[in-house]
Amino acid sequence: MPRIKPINPTEATGKTRTLLDGVQNKTGTIPNVFRTLAHAPAALEAYLSFGQALDGGSLSPLFREQIALAVSNANGCQYCASAHTATGKTLGLAQIELTENLVGSSSDPKVEVALQFARAVIAKRGWVNDSEIEHVREAGYTDEEIVELIATIASTMFTNYFNHIAETKLDFPKVEVGQPVATMT
């Protein structure tokens, strides 16, 4: 049972209604994470704005989904792993790639470097070392892409943590997640 119940969109008013209508118009549905975030229109708007800004960046939506999969599994967030798997499918990712992305692997070596970096960021709480940054650069990522990679990790972590705390009810096909990655002590 959710700790924070989702808002019924038909009962929403003001800014909350406007934001939820925008999600509905863009995606054709209003997932529970947005309905639950809507208790704080400022938080929902901030999250949506963050995603919209990244849509205009250098990383493709497909690649950002792959990052979100690795981050969500590393954080043990079943809701986000399930949601990003569903979104990844709609963007054309094959099931085998989705499964690999969840554990930080990819059939594309360059993507795998980014996913492993994302998992290292989670495990080390951002305190990655120089060689880990250099490895990402050697794989061909620019500083712009590295910064957007970090932004995507942070955005995903927000919803991971939110869903852990709110215990958001799953409204996507269930995807199993592994144990969260070990963190620094």
Protein backbone atom coordinates (compact mmCIF):
# COMPACT_ATOMS: atom_id res chain seq x y z
CA MET A 1 0.00 0.00 0.00
CA PRO A 2 1.46 3.39 -0.93
CA ARG A 3 2.58 5.68 1.87
CA ILE A 4 1.54 8.65 -0.27
CA LYS A 5 -1.58 7.99 -2.28
CA PRO A 6 -1.72 9.14 -5.90
CA ILE A 7 -3.97 12.06 -6.75
CA ASN A 8 -6.99 11.32 -8.90
CA PRO A 9 -6.37 13.52 -11.97
CA THR A 10 -10.09 14.23 -12.37
CA GLU A 11 -10.09 15.79 -8.89
CA ALA A 12 -6.93 17.86 -9.44
CA THR A 13 -7.19 21.62 -9.74
CA GLY A 14 -4.99 24.58 -10.62
CA LYS A 15 -1.32 23.99 -11.38
CA THR A 16 -1.61 20.32 -10.41
CA ARG A 17 -4.32 19.78 -13.03
CA THR A 18 -2.33 21.65 -15.67
CA LEU A 19 0.79 19.55 -15.02
CA LEU A 20 -1.09 16.26 -15.00
CA ASP A 21 -2.93 17.23 -18.19
CA GLY A 22 0.47 17.93 -19.77
CA VAL A 23 1.71 14.45 -18.82
CA GLN A 24 -1.49 12.93 -20.23
CA ASN A 25 -1.13 14.86 -23.49
CA LYS A 26 2.53 13.90 -23.90
CA THR A 27 2.38 10.22 -22.93
CA GLY A 28 -1.26 9.24 -23.28
CA THR A 29 -1.41 8.23 -19.60
CA ILE A 30 -0.58 9.54 -16.15
CA PRO A 31 1.62 7.02 -14.32
CA ASN A 32 1.31 6.76 -10.56
CA VAL A 33 4.70 8.36 -9.99
CA PHE A 34 3.41 11.62 -11.51
CA ARG A 35 0.05 11.33 -9.77
CA THR A 36 1.89 10.92 -6.47
CA LEU A 37 4.46 13.66 -7.11
CA ALA A 38 1.50 15.92 -7.89
CA HIS A 39 0.92 16.42 -4.17
CA ALA A 40 3.71 18.98 -4.53
CA PRO A 41 3.19 20.75 -7.87
CA ALA A 42 6.61 22.43 -7.50
CA ALA A 43 8.32 19.02 -7.24
CA LEU A 44 6.38 17.61 -10.19
CA GLU A 45 7.10 20.69 -12.27
CA ALA A 46 10.80 20.56 -11.35
CA TYR A 47 11.06 16.91 -12.38
CA LEU A 48 9.18 17.46 -15.65
CA SER A 49 11.26 20.56 -16.43
CA PHE A 50 14.49 18.66 -15.77
CA GLY A 51 13.41 15.98 -18.27
CA GLN A 52 12.29 18.55 -20.82
CA ALA A 53 15.64 20.35 -20.58
CA LEU A 54 17.50 17.08 -21.10
CA ASP A 55 15.31 16.37 -24.15
CA GLY A 56 17.11 19.29 -25.80
CA GLY A 57 20.55 17.99 -24.87
CA SER A 58 23.12 15.86 -26.61
CA LEU A 59 22.08 12.47 -25.20
CA SER A 60 19.29 10.69 -27.03
CA PRO A 61 16.08 9.73 -25.23
CA LEU A 62 16.92 6.06 -25.89
CA PHE A 63 20.37 6.39 -24.29
CA ARG A 64 18.89 8.23 -21.30
CA GLU A 65 16.47 5.31 -20.81
CA GLN A 66 19.43 2.93 -20.81
CA ILE A 67 21.10 5.04 -18.13
CA ALA A 68 17.86 5.16 -16.13
CA LEU A 69 17.63 1.37 -16.27
CA ALA A 70 21.13 0.89 -14.86
CA VAL A 71 20.57 3.55 -12.17
CA SER A 72 17.16 2.19 -11.17
CA ASN A 73 18.44 -1.34 -10.77
CA ALA A 74 21.55 -0.13 -8.92
CA ASN A 75 19.23 1.65 -6.49
CA GLY A 76 16.84 -1.31 -6.25
CA CYS A 77 13.88 0.72 -7.54
CA GLN A 78 11.39 -1.72 -8.99
CA TYR A 79 8.94 1.02 -10.00
CA CYS A 80 11.52 2.91 -12.08
CA ALA A 81 13.09 -0.27 -13.50
CA SER A 82 9.63 -1.34 -14.64
CA ALA A 83 8.70 2.10 -16.01
CA HIS A 84 11.98 2.57 -17.89
CA THR A 85 11.80 -0.97 -19.29
CA ALA A 86 8.34 -0.19 -20.69
CA THR A 87 9.56 3.12 -22.10
CA GLY A 88 12.70 1.51 -23.52
CA LYS A 89 10.53 -1.03 -25.33
CA THR A 90 8.45 1.74 -26.89
CA LEU A 91 11.69 3.40 -28.06
CA GLY A 92 12.80 0.18 -29.74
CA LEU A 93 15.21 -1.44 -27.29
CA ALA A 94 15.25 -5.22 -27.62
CA GLN A 95 14.40 -7.27 -24.52
CA ILE A 96 17.93 -8.67 -24.28
CA GLU A 97 19.37 -5.15 -24.30
CA LEU A 98 16.88 -3.99 -21.68
CA THR A 99 17.86 -6.90 -19.45
CA GLU A 100 21.57 -6.19 -19.95
CA ASN A 101 21.10 -2.45 -19.32
CA LEU A 102 19.50 -3.17 -15.95
CA VAL A 103 22.75 -4.72 -14.72
CA GLY A 104 24.98 -2.11 -16.36
CA SER A 105 25.87 -4.07 -19.48
CA SER A 106 25.20 -3.42 -23.15
CA SER A 107 25.88 -4.98 -26.53
CA ASP A 108 27.39 -1.58 -27.40
CA PRO A 109 30.78 -1.19 -25.65
CA LYS A 110 30.48 2.61 -25.53
CA VAL A 111 27.05 2.43 -23.87
CA GLU A 112 28.38 -0.16 -21.43
CA VAL A 113 31.12 2.24 -20.30
CA ALA A 114 28.47 4.87 -19.50
CA LEU A 115 26.26 2.37 -17.67
CA GLN A 116 29.18 1.12 -15.59
CA PHE A 117 30.08 4.73 -14.81
CA ALA A 118 26.49 5.36 -13.68
CA ARG A 119 26.66 2.35 -11.36
CA ALA A 120 29.99 3.61 -9.98
CA VAL A 121 28.44 7.02 -9.32
CA ILE A 122 25.69 5.29 -7.30
CA ALA A 123 28.04 3.00 -5.41
CA LYS A 124 30.50 5.79 -4.61
CA ARG A 125 27.88 8.47 -3.98
CA GLY A 126 29.45 10.59 -6.70
CA TRP A 127 33.03 10.23 -5.48
CA VAL A 128 34.35 8.60 -8.65
CA ASN A 129 38.09 8.80 -9.24
CA ASP A 130 40.09 10.38 -12.06
CA SER A 131 40.61 7.08 -13.86
CA GLU A 132 36.84 6.45 -13.99
CA ILE A 133 36.28 9.84 -15.61
CA GLU A 134 39.17 9.24 -18.00
CA HIS A 135 37.69 5.84 -18.95
CA VAL A 136 34.43 7.57 -19.94
CA ARG A 137 36.36 10.12 -22.01
CA GLU A 138 38.42 7.37 -23.68
CA ALA A 139 35.15 5.69 -24.70
CA GLY A 140 34.39 8.85 -26.69
CA TYR A 141 32.19 10.93 -24.37
CA THR A 142 32.62 14.70 -24.40
CA ASP A 143 32.46 16.83 -21.27
CA GLU A 144 28.98 17.95 -22.35
CA GLU A 145 27.85 14.33 -22.55
CA ILE A 146 29.46 13.50 -19.20
CA VAL A 147 27.61 16.39 -17.54
CA GLU A 148 24.31 15.25 -19.11
CA LEU A 149 25.05 11.70 -18.03
CA ILE A 150 25.41 12.95 -14.45
CA ALA A 151 22.19 14.98 -14.81
CA THR A 152 20.35 11.87 -16.03
CA ILE A 153 21.70 9.88 -13.10
CA ALA A 154 20.54 12.58 -10.66
CA SER A 155 17.08 12.87 -12.21
CA THR A 156 16.64 9.10 -12.05
CA MET A 157 17.87 8.98 -8.47
CA PHE A 158 15.22 11.54 -7.51
CA THR A 159 12.40 9.30 -8.70
CA ASN A 160 14.12 6.17 -7.32
CA TYR A 161 14.26 7.67 -3.86
CA PHE A 162 10.82 9.20 -4.17
CA ASN A 163 9.32 5.82 -5.08
CA HIS A 164 11.15 4.09 -2.22
CA ILE A 165 9.75 6.59 0.27
CA ALA A 166 6.23 6.91 -1.20
CA GLU A 167 5.99 3.19 -2.00
CA THR A 168 4.40 4.16 -5.30
CA LYS A 169 2.01 1.50 -6.57
CA LEU A 170 3.39 -0.21 -9.65
CA ASP A 171 1.35 0.49 -12.78
CA PHE A 172 3.75 -0.98 -15.35
CA PRO A 173 4.58 -4.61 -16.12
CA LYS A 174 6.72 -5.74 -13.18
CA VAL A 175 10.47 -6.02 -13.67
CA GLU A 176 12.54 -7.67 -10.97
CA VAL A 177 15.52 -5.74 -9.66
CA GLY A 178 18.65 -6.98 -7.97
CA GLN A 179 20.15 -5.91 -4.71
CA PRO A 180 21.20 -2.26 -4.67
CA VAL A 181 24.89 -1.78 -5.41
CA ALA A 182 27.13 -1.58 -2.38
CA THR A 183 27.90 1.91 -1.22
CA MET A 184 30.99 3.41 0.33
CA THR A 185 31.28 3.08 4.08
